[in-house]
Amino acid sequence: MRNESLAFLEALVTTPSPSGFEERVQAVCREYVAPFVDDVYKDVHGNQYAVRNRNADLRVMLAGHVDEIGLMVNSIDDKGFLTIVPVGGVDTAILGGQRIQVHTAAGPVPGVIGRTAIHLTDPEDRGKPLKIHQMWVDIGAKDKKDAENTVAVGDPITIDAGFLPLRDNKIVARALDDRIGAFVIIEAMRLLARRKLHCAVFCVTTVQEEIGLRGATTSSYGCDPHVGVAVDVDHAMDYPSAEQKRYGGSTIHAGPVISRGANINPIVGRGLMDVAKNKKIPYQVVAAPRGTGTDANVMQLSRGGTATGLVSIPNRYMHSPVELVSLKDVENASKLLADWIATLKPGMSFIP
């Protein structure tokens, strides 16, 4: 991967963006993608668009969400401790003892997630995951007044975990679900920069996916695409104890994942696989018998319907601070999207 692409990826995945803070991520994206497109703008919901050939007859939408799971300040007690509620699908089993940042109007405030020490826990309860109301955030405040001078109810919270390159072209970070998808679609726009296109391309970094696919709902309606692809993550099932026969899933380094099923337009799915074969891009296929729970689901159902595909990056340890992906899979996903878009022309039918 090019050094500038890797630097952009690191900046993208380590920028905190729970609800209300997506603008920080969007600023990073805007700076990187602007040279490769005709226009960059943002809507009232917070989705950001990078567009080429806006007025072409065939409209294509790419979507990757930049929001992340996290926490929110629920209340502040008399001693200055913060009670918390989850934002999105938070696994409470991994929260205890984590360092965090509270994102306030004045900037980030460091803290930790506290819990009762194991020594003071009843023997029969040791090793059991705590419920979120049994944990709290400690920012070191003297009392409630001191805490209220710094944080407020409703402030979002993220785990303070950074970007870590590992061996064998792998990286670890929080929020790779789905900053890595946002990176892939932006890289695809860079790869398309010098290619002649026969379609309009709306590259959208969407918001609020983790709380109900909300950004993709509004941006799909706004773009009104004929065809679109969401890029998200898939459960890599190549770790000890993985039950691939039960859950399906993919393998790190084996290429981007193309979904097949009710959420996927058959012509789009076959087109992606044909391009992968012709360009010798490795890929994997997973079964998706119902709505996928990704931006692809609401893209498909927007307005009168959109011919939709879903490309995913194999991801170990999803919804944890140590999500792991392969840079090889990421590069191949960007190439796949760029090469597929280059095949699209006005007049193409996506009716099965």
Protein backbone atom coordinates (compact mmCIF):
# COMPACT_ATOMS: atom_id res chain seq x y z
CA MET A 1 0.00 0.00 0.00
CA ARG A 2 1.27 3.50 -0.82
CA ASN A 3 2.67 5.41 2.14
CA GLU A 4 0.17 8.26 1.72
CA SER A 5 -2.73 5.79 1.61
CA LEU A 6 -1.52 4.09 4.78
CA ALA A 7 -1.15 7.46 6.52
CA PHE A 8 -4.69 8.38 5.51
CA LEU A 9 -5.99 5.03 6.74
CA GLU A 10 -4.30 5.49 10.13
CA ALA A 11 -5.75 8.99 10.49
CA LEU A 12 -9.19 7.76 9.47
CA VAL A 13 -9.48 4.84 11.86
CA THR A 14 -8.05 6.65 14.89
CA THR A 15 -10.22 9.76 14.66
CA PRO A 16 -13.06 9.49 17.20
CA SER A 17 -16.54 9.90 15.81
CA PRO A 18 -19.44 8.78 17.94
CA SER A 19 -22.70 10.59 17.35
CA GLY A 20 -22.02 14.30 16.94
CA PHE A 21 -18.33 13.92 16.11
CA GLU A 22 -18.48 12.55 12.55
CA GLU A 23 -17.24 15.92 11.25
CA ARG A 24 -13.72 15.08 12.44
CA VAL A 25 -13.64 11.95 10.32
CA GLN A 26 -15.30 13.75 7.42
CA ALA A 27 -12.59 16.41 7.47
CA VAL A 28 -9.92 13.73 7.15
CA CYS A 29 -11.82 12.11 4.28
CA ARG A 30 -12.43 15.43 2.53
CA GLU A 31 -8.77 16.38 2.53
CA TYR A 32 -7.74 13.06 0.99
CA VAL A 33 -10.47 12.55 -1.62
CA ALA A 34 -10.98 16.11 -2.93
CA PRO A 35 -8.18 15.96 -5.57
CA PHE A 36 -9.77 12.89 -7.20
CA VAL A 37 -13.37 14.08 -7.63
CA ASP A 38 -15.42 16.96 -9.01
CA ASP A 39 -17.23 17.92 -5.83
CA VAL A 40 -17.26 17.20 -2.10
CA TYR A 41 -20.21 18.21 0.09
CA LYS A 42 -22.10 17.24 3.22
CA ASP A 43 -25.81 16.89 3.95
CA VAL A 44 -27.89 17.84 6.98
CA HIS A 45 -27.62 14.32 8.39
CA GLY A 46 -23.80 14.38 8.31
CA ASN A 47 -23.22 12.08 5.32
CA GLN A 48 -20.37 13.26 3.10
CA TYR A 49 -20.40 12.90 -0.69
CA ALA A 50 -17.50 12.81 -3.14
CA VAL A 51 -18.90 12.96 -6.67
CA ARG A 52 -17.71 12.50 -10.24
CA ASN A 53 -19.75 12.99 -13.42
CA ARG A 54 -22.82 14.09 -11.47
CA ASN A 55 -25.00 14.57 -14.58
CA ALA A 56 -24.35 11.21 -16.24
CA ASP A 57 -27.43 9.14 -17.08
CA LEU A 58 -26.42 6.16 -14.93
CA ARG A 59 -25.95 6.91 -11.21
CA VAL A 60 -23.81 4.67 -9.00
CA MET A 61 -23.54 4.93 -5.21
CA LEU A 62 -20.76 3.60 -3.00
CA ALA A 63 -21.31 3.58 0.76
CA GLY A 64 -19.03 2.97 3.74
CA HIS A 65 -20.01 4.13 7.21
CA VAL A 66 -17.69 6.18 9.41
CA ASP A 67 -19.60 6.05 12.71
CA GLU A 68 -18.53 3.64 15.43
CA ILE A 69 -19.98 1.95 18.48
CA GLY A 70 -19.33 3.67 21.77
CA LEU A 71 -20.86 4.95 24.99
CA MET A 72 -22.65 8.06 26.22
CA VAL A 73 -22.69 9.91 29.52
CA ASN A 74 -26.04 9.09 31.14
CA SER A 75 -25.69 10.88 34.48
CA ILE A 76 -23.15 12.31 36.90
CA ASP A 77 -23.31 11.27 40.56
CA ASP A 78 -22.42 13.32 43.64
CA LYS A 79 -18.86 11.98 43.71
CA GLY A 80 -18.21 12.88 40.06
CA PHE A 81 -18.47 9.40 38.56
CA LEU A 82 -20.25 9.07 35.20
CA THR A 83 -22.88 6.45 34.52
CA ILE A 84 -22.96 5.26 30.94
CA VAL A 85 -25.27 3.84 28.26
CA PRO A 86 -24.21 2.05 25.06
CA VAL A 87 -24.32 3.53 21.57
CA GLY A 88 -24.70 0.62 19.16
CA GLY A 89 -23.81 -3.02 19.74
CA VAL A 90 -21.32 -2.72 22.59
CA ASP A 91 -19.95 -5.92 24.17
CA THR A 92 -19.92 -5.15 27.88
CA ALA A 93 -17.53 -8.06 28.52
CA ILE A 94 -14.62 -6.04 27.11
CA LEU A 95 -15.35 -2.69 28.77
CA GLY A 96 -14.00 -3.07 32.29
CA GLY A 97 -10.56 -1.51 32.73
CA GLN A 98 -10.51 0.24 29.35
CA ARG A 99 -9.08 3.72 28.93
CA ILE A 100 -11.58 6.04 27.27
CA GLN A 101 -12.08 9.55 25.98
CA VAL A 102 -15.17 11.63 26.70
CA HIS A 103 -15.79 13.94 23.74
CA THR A 104 -16.91 17.26 25.20
CA ALA A 105 -17.61 20.66 23.68
CA ALA A 106 -14.16 21.76 24.83
CA GLY A 107 -12.33 18.69 23.53
CA PRO A 108 -11.57 15.14 24.63
CA VAL A 109 -11.33 14.32 28.34
CA PRO A 110 -9.46 11.14 29.35
CA GLY A 111 -10.84 8.62 31.80
CA VAL A 112 -11.18 4.94 32.60
CA ILE A 113 -14.07 2.50 32.91
CA GLY A 114 -14.27 1.39 36.52
CA ARG A 115 -15.73 -1.76 38.03
CA THR A 116 -15.54 -3.65 41.33
CA ALA A 117 -12.20 -5.43 41.69
CA ILE A 118 -12.20 -9.22 41.42
CA HIS A 119 -11.05 -9.48 45.04
CA LEU A 120 -14.33 -7.86 46.17
CA THR A 121 -16.55 -9.87 43.84
CA ASP A 122 -18.50 -12.87 45.15
CA PRO A 123 -16.77 -16.10 44.03
CA GLU A 124 -19.82 -17.29 42.07
CA ASP A 125 -19.85 -14.02 40.08
CA ARG A 126 -16.16 -13.93 39.16
CA GLY A 127 -15.55 -14.25 35.45
CA LYS A 128 -19.10 -13.30 34.51
CA PRO A 129 -19.60 -10.28 32.21
CA LEU A 130 -20.95 -7.25 34.04
CA LYS A 131 -24.01 -5.36 32.93
CA ILE A 132 -23.38 -1.80 31.83
CA HIS A 133 -25.09 -0.31 34.89
CA GLN A 134 -22.51 -2.12 37.04
CA MET A 135 -19.71 -0.04 35.48
CA TRP A 136 -18.92 3.66 35.45
CA VAL A 137 -16.46 6.18 34.03
CA ASP A 138 -13.90 7.80 36.30
CA ILE A 139 -12.37 11.02 34.95
CA GLY A 140 -10.66 11.80 38.27
CA ALA A 141 -13.19 14.46 39.19
CA LYS A 142 -13.27 15.75 42.78
CA ASP A 143 -17.07 15.80 42.94
CA LYS A 144 -20.18 16.34 40.82
CA LYS A 145 -19.54 20.06 40.36
CA ASP A 146 -15.98 19.42 39.23
CA ALA A 147 -17.16 16.80 36.72
CA GLU A 148 -19.95 19.06 35.42
CA ASN A 149 -17.40 21.79 34.74
CA THR A 150 -15.80 19.37 32.26
CA VAL A 151 -18.39 16.93 30.86
CA ALA A 152 -22.13 16.94 30.23
CA VAL A 153 -24.92 14.40 30.02
CA GLY A 154 -25.11 13.19 26.43
CA ASP A 155 -21.38 13.55 25.71
CA PRO A 156 -20.18 10.59 23.62
CA ILE A 157 -17.39 8.28 24.74
CA THR A 158 -14.95 6.12 22.77
CA ILE A 159 -12.40 3.57 23.91
CA ASP A 160 -8.91 5.04 23.67
CA ALA A 161 -7.27 2.45 21.37
CA GLY A 162 -4.96 3.31 18.50
CA PHE A 163 -3.73 1.98 15.16
CA LEU A 164 -1.28 -0.91 15.29
CA PRO A 165 0.47 -2.53 12.30
CA LEU A 166 1.05 -6.26 12.79
CA ARG A 167 3.04 -8.88 10.93
CA ASP A 168 2.09 -10.19 7.49
CA ASN A 169 0.32 -7.06 6.18
CA LYS A 170 -2.28 -7.00 8.94
CA ILE A 171 -3.44 -4.03 11.01
CA VAL A 172 -5.39 -3.64 14.25
CA ALA A 173 -7.56 -0.72 15.39
CA ARG A 174 -10.91 0.05 16.87
CA ALA A 175 -13.66 1.17 14.45
CA LEU A 176 -12.37 -0.77 11.44
CA ASP A 177 -16.09 -1.54 11.36
CA ASP A 178 -16.52 0.38 9.23
CA ARG A 179 -13.78 2.97 8.69
CA ILE A 180 -12.08 0.33 6.56
CA GLY A 181 -15.12 0.32 4.24
CA ALA A 182 -14.99 4.10 4.00
CA PHE A 183 -11.30 3.84 3.16
CA VAL A 184 -12.00 1.27 0.42
CA ILE A 185 -14.55 3.41 -1.40
CA ILE A 186 -12.35 6.50 -1.21
CA GLU A 187 -9.38 4.50 -2.53
CA ALA A 188 -11.61 3.30 -5.37
CA MET A 189 -12.27 6.94 -6.29
CA ARG A 190 -8.52 7.56 -6.35
CA LEU A 191 -8.02 4.57 -8.65
CA LEU A 192 -10.73 5.93 -10.95
CA ALA A 193 -9.29 9.43 -11.06
CA ARG A 194 -7.55 9.03 -14.43
CA ARG A 195 -10.07 6.69 -16.01
CA LYS A 196 -12.89 7.75 -18.28
CA LEU A 197 -16.23 7.01 -16.67
CA HIS A 198 -19.59 6.44 -18.33
CA CYS A 199 -21.59 6.90 -15.14
CA ALA A 200 -22.01 9.27 -12.22
CA VAL A 201 -20.34 8.02 -9.04
CA PHE A 202 -21.51 9.14 -5.60
CA CYS A 203 -19.00 7.99 -2.97
CA VAL A 204 -20.75 8.44 0.38
CA THR A 205 -19.20 8.11 3.82
CA THR A 206 -22.38 7.47 5.78
CA VAL A 207 -23.24 8.09 9.43
CA GLN A 208 -25.31 6.38 12.14
CA GLU A 209 -25.15 2.90 10.61
CA GLU A 210 -24.55 1.33 14.00
CA ILE A 211 -27.85 2.64 15.37
CA GLY A 212 -30.13 1.71 12.49
CA LEU A 213 -28.62 2.33 9.01
CA ARG A 214 -29.84 5.90 9.29
CA GLY A 215 -27.28 7.77 7.19
CA ALA A 216 -27.53 5.36 4.27
CA THR A 217 -31.31 5.74 4.34
CA THR A 218 -31.19 9.48 3.78
CA SER A 219 -28.19 9.52 1.43
CA SER A 220 -29.65 6.79 -0.80
CA TYR A 221 -32.81 8.81 -1.14
CA GLY A 222 -30.76 11.90 -1.96
CA CYS A 223 -28.49 10.24 -4.54
CA ASP A 224 -31.34 8.26 -6.13
CA PRO A 225 -28.87 5.70 -7.56
CA HIS A 226 -29.71 3.09 -10.19
CA VAL A 227 -27.06 0.78 -8.75
CA GLY A 228 -24.95 0.79 -5.62
CA VAL A 229 -22.49 -1.16 -3.50
CA ALA A 230 -22.02 -0.94 0.24
CA VAL A 231 -18.63 -1.84 1.69
CA ASP A 232 -18.61 -3.20 5.23
CA VAL A 233 -16.86 -5.94 7.22
CA ASP A 234 -17.48 -9.68 7.43
CA HIS A 235 -16.69 -12.04 10.28
CA ALA A 236 -13.34 -13.67 9.56
CA MET A 237 -13.68 -17.24 10.79
CA ASP A 238 -10.05 -18.33 10.73
CA TYR A 239 -9.27 -18.09 14.45
CA PRO A 240 -9.16 -20.86 17.09
CA SER A 241 -12.64 -22.15 18.02
CA ALA A 242 -14.35 -20.50 15.01
CA GLU A 243 -17.47 -22.37 13.86
CA GLN A 244 -17.39 -21.72 10.13
CA LYS A 245 -19.81 -24.55 9.34
CA ARG A 246 -22.34 -22.93 11.63
CA TYR A 247 -21.88 -19.26 10.84
CA GLY A 248 -20.19 -19.18 7.42
CA GLY A 249 -17.77 -16.29 7.25
CA SER A 250 -14.51 -15.58 5.50
CA THR A 251 -10.73 -15.84 5.78
CA ILE A 252 -8.08 -13.14 6.20
CA HIS A 253 -5.89 -12.62 3.08
CA ALA A 254 -8.29 -14.57 0.81
CA GLY A 255 -9.72 -11.45 -0.81
CA PRO A 256 -12.79 -9.23 -0.46
CA VAL A 257 -16.10 -10.93 0.28
CA ILE A 258 -19.01 -10.75 -2.19
CA SER A 259 -22.43 -11.50 -0.69
CA ARG A 260 -25.17 -13.49 -2.40
CA GLY A 261 -28.79 -13.50 -1.30
CA ALA A 262 -32.01 -11.53 -0.98
CA ASN A 263 -30.29 -8.20 -0.36
CA ILE A 264 -28.13 -8.54 -3.47
CA ASN A 265 -29.13 -7.84 -7.06
CA PRO A 266 -28.08 -10.95 -9.05
CA ILE A 267 -26.69 -8.91 -11.95
CA VAL A 268 -24.60 -6.75 -9.63
CA GLY A 269 -23.34 -9.81 -7.74
CA ARG A 270 -22.39 -11.65 -10.94
CA GLY A 271 -20.82 -8.51 -12.36
CA LEU A 272 -18.54 -8.12 -9.34
CA MET A 273 -17.49 -11.77 -9.52
CA ASP A 274 -16.89 -11.58 -13.30
CA VAL A 275 -14.65 -8.55 -12.87
CA ALA A 276 -12.75 -10.28 -10.07
CA LYS A 277 -12.15 -13.31 -12.29
CA ASN A 278 -11.15 -11.26 -15.34
CA LYS A 279 -8.76 -9.07 -13.36
CA LYS A 280 -7.44 -11.99 -11.30
CA ILE A 281 -8.54 -10.38 -8.05
CA PRO A 282 -9.02 -12.98 -5.29
CA TYR A 283 -12.48 -12.98 -3.74
CA GLN A 284 -14.73 -14.97 -1.42
CA VAL A 285 -18.49 -15.54 -1.41
CA VAL A 286 -20.81 -15.63 1.60
CA ALA A 287 -24.49 -16.45 1.85
CA ALA A 288 -26.88 -13.65 2.85
CA PRO A 289 -30.39 -15.14 2.95
CA ARG A 290 -32.10 -12.02 4.31
CA GLY A 291 -31.47 -8.33 4.90
CA THR A 292 -27.78 -7.99 5.70
CA GLY A 293 -27.86 -5.43 8.52
CA THR A 294 -25.56 -3.19 6.47
CA ASP A 295 -26.06 -0.03 4.45
CA ALA A 296 -26.81 -2.32 1.48
CA ASN A 297 -30.15 -3.18 3.06
CA VAL A 298 -31.58 0.34 3.00
CA MET A 299 -29.89 1.18 -0.31
CA GLN A 300 -31.80 -1.69 -1.91
CA LEU A 301 -35.11 -0.41 -0.55
CA SER A 302 -34.64 3.29 -1.33
CA ARG A 303 -37.33 4.98 -3.42
CA GLY A 304 -38.42 2.51 -6.12
CA GLY A 305 -35.49 0.18 -5.40
CA THR A 306 -31.77 0.12 -6.16
CA ALA A 307 -29.76 -2.72 -7.69
CA THR A 308 -27.46 -3.35 -4.74
CA GLY A 309 -24.29 -5.27 -3.97
CA LEU A 310 -22.31 -5.81 -0.80
CA VAL A 311 -18.52 -6.16 -0.66
CA SER A 312 -16.96 -6.85 2.72
CA ILE A 313 -13.53 -6.98 4.31
CA PRO A 314 -12.79 -10.04 6.50
CA ASN A 315 -12.49 -8.77 10.08
CA ARG A 316 -11.43 -10.62 13.20
CA TYR A 317 -12.72 -9.53 16.64
CA MET A 318 -15.57 -7.33 15.39
CA HIS A 319 -16.97 -4.72 17.80
CA SER A 320 -13.87 -4.79 19.94
CA PRO A 321 -10.97 -2.32 20.33
CA VAL A 322 -8.70 -4.74 18.44
CA GLU A 323 -10.44 -5.37 15.13
CA LEU A 324 -8.01 -6.95 12.67
CA VAL A 325 -7.96 -6.83 8.85
CA SER A 326 -5.58 -7.57 6.01
CA LEU A 327 -4.18 -4.72 3.92
CA LYS A 328 -4.10 -7.13 0.98
CA ASP A 329 -7.86 -7.63 1.24
CA VAL A 330 -8.35 -3.87 1.50
CA GLU A 331 -6.29 -3.14 -1.63
CA ASN A 332 -8.06 -5.84 -3.61
CA ALA A 333 -11.48 -4.53 -2.57
CA SER A 334 -10.62 -1.05 -3.85
CA LYS A 335 -9.35 -2.49 -7.14
CA LEU A 336 -12.47 -4.61 -7.52
CA LEU A 337 -14.81 -1.64 -7.09
CA ALA A 338 -12.83 0.59 -9.44
CA ASP A 339 -12.64 -2.06 -12.15
CA TRP A 340 -16.34 -2.89 -11.78
CA ILE A 341 -17.42 0.76 -12.02
CA ALA A 342 -15.32 1.14 -15.18
CA THR A 343 -17.54 -1.52 -16.85
CA LEU A 344 -20.80 0.33 -16.19
CA LYS A 345 -22.49 2.17 -19.05
CA PRO A 346 -25.80 3.96 -19.61
CA GLY A 347 -28.58 1.67 -20.77
CA MET A 348 -27.44 -1.29 -18.71
CA SER A 349 -30.33 -3.24 -17.20
CA PHE A 350 -30.14 -4.57 -13.67
CA ILE A 351 -33.54 -6.25 -13.82
CA PRO A 352 -33.01 -9.92 -12.89
